[in-house]
C-alpha cells in the first residue's frame, strides 16, 4: 500500500472551506494528490499502461 503525505498550507485550507474562488481549493488538493500518485507510480497523466502479450 502506498502512503502519501500532503501538506496543506493556510491558503489552501482557506480555499477548501470557502470554495468560491476561481480555482477552488478542492481542485488544488486533487491536483496535488494526483501528481503524487503519478510520481509514485512513475507514470504521467493520461499515459496508458502497457499490457504484456505472449
C-alpha atoms as a PDB file:
ATOM      1  CA  UNK A   1       0.000   0.000   0.000  1.00  0.00           C
ATOM      2  CA  UNK A   2       1.296   3.421  -0.931  1.00  0.00           C
ATOM      3  CA  UNK A   3       1.180   6.235   1.575  1.00  0.00           C
ATOM      4  CA  UNK A   4       1.175   9.876   0.573  1.00  0.00           C
ATOM      5  CA  UNK A   5       1.976  12.827   2.760  1.00  0.00           C
ATOM      6  CA  UNK A   6       0.249  16.037   1.700  1.00  0.00           C
ATOM      7  CA  UNK A   7       0.966  19.358   3.387  1.00  0.00           C
ATOM      8  CA  UNK A   8      -1.954  21.779   3.431  1.00  0.00           C
ATOM      9  CA  UNK A   9      -0.955  25.394   3.843  1.00  0.00           C
ATOM     10  CA  UNK A  10      -3.164  28.079   5.326  1.00  0.00           C
ATOM     11  CA  UNK A  11      -4.214  29.439   1.924  1.00  0.00           C
ATOM     12  CA  UNK A  12      -5.318  26.019   0.660  1.00  0.00           C
ATOM     13  CA  UNK A  13      -7.302  25.331   3.820  1.00  0.00           C
ATOM     14  CA  UNK A  14      -8.993  28.709   3.438  1.00  0.00           C
ATOM     15  CA  UNK A  15      -9.927  27.905  -0.182  1.00  0.00           C
ATOM     16  CA  UNK A  16     -11.207  24.450   0.795  1.00  0.00           C
ATOM     17  CA  UNK A  17     -13.617  25.895   3.321  1.00  0.00           C
ATOM     18  CA  UNK A  18     -14.779  28.840   1.214  1.00  0.00           C
ATOM     19  CA  UNK A  19     -14.924  27.055  -2.129  1.00  0.00           C
ATOM     20  CA  UNK A  20     -15.967  30.185  -4.012  1.00  0.00           C
ATOM     21  CA  UNK A  21     -12.725  31.185  -5.706  1.00  0.00           C
ATOM     22  CA  UNK A  22     -11.968  30.770  -9.416  1.00  0.00           C
ATOM     23  CA  UNK A  23      -9.503  27.960  -8.701  1.00  0.00           C
ATOM     24  CA  UNK A  24     -11.127  26.228  -5.769  1.00  0.00           C
ATOM     25  CA  UNK A  25      -9.183  24.554  -3.012  1.00  0.00           C
ATOM     26  CA  UNK A  26     -10.629  21.174  -3.972  1.00  0.00           C
ATOM     27  CA  UNK A  27      -9.104  21.458  -7.459  1.00  0.00           C
ATOM     28  CA  UNK A  28      -5.712  22.294  -5.982  1.00  0.00           C
ATOM     29  CA  UNK A  29      -5.952  19.472  -3.440  1.00  0.00           C
ATOM     30  CA  UNK A  30      -6.936  16.883  -6.059  1.00  0.00           C
ATOM     31  CA  UNK A  31      -4.172  18.057  -8.396  1.00  0.00           C
ATOM     32  CA  UNK A  32      -1.618  17.697  -5.603  1.00  0.00           C
ATOM     33  CA  UNK A  33      -2.831  14.207  -4.718  1.00  0.00           C
ATOM     34  CA  UNK A  34      -2.906  13.016  -8.330  1.00  0.00           C
ATOM     35  CA  UNK A  35       0.560  14.419  -9.023  1.00  0.00           C
ATOM     36  CA  UNK A  36       1.950  12.462  -6.064  1.00  0.00           C
ATOM     37  CA  UNK A  37       0.167   9.277  -7.155  1.00  0.00           C
ATOM     38  CA  UNK A  38       1.557   9.579 -10.676  1.00  0.00           C
ATOM     39  CA  UNK A  39       5.002  10.372  -9.318  1.00  0.00           C
ATOM     40  CA  UNK A  40       4.937   7.279  -7.072  1.00  0.00           C
ATOM     41  CA  UNK A  41       3.867   5.007  -9.946  1.00  0.00           C
ATOM     42  CA  UNK A  42       6.333   6.508 -12.404  1.00  0.00           C
ATOM     43  CA  UNK A  43       3.566   7.350 -14.867  1.00  0.00           C
ATOM     44  CA  UNK A  44       2.356  10.588 -16.367  1.00  0.00           C
ATOM     45  CA  UNK A  45      -1.204  11.859 -16.524  1.00  0.00           C
ATOM     46  CA  UNK A  46      -3.025  10.377 -19.476  1.00  0.00           C
ATOM     47  CA  UNK A  47      -0.385   7.715 -20.072  1.00  0.00           C
ATOM     48  CA  UNK A  48      -1.802   4.257 -20.680  1.00  0.00           C
ATOM     49  CA  UNK A  49      -0.452   1.186 -19.011  1.00  0.00           C
ATOM     50  CA  UNK A  50       1.429  -1.182 -21.328  1.00  0.00           C
ATOM     51  CA  UNK A  51      -0.106  -4.645 -21.477  1.00  0.00           C
ATOM     52  CA  UNK A  52       2.176  -7.633 -21.870  1.00  0.00           C
ATOM     53  CA  UNK A  53       1.338 -10.071 -24.620  1.00  0.00           C
ATOM     54  CA  UNK A  54       2.866 -13.500 -25.007  1.00  0.00           C
END
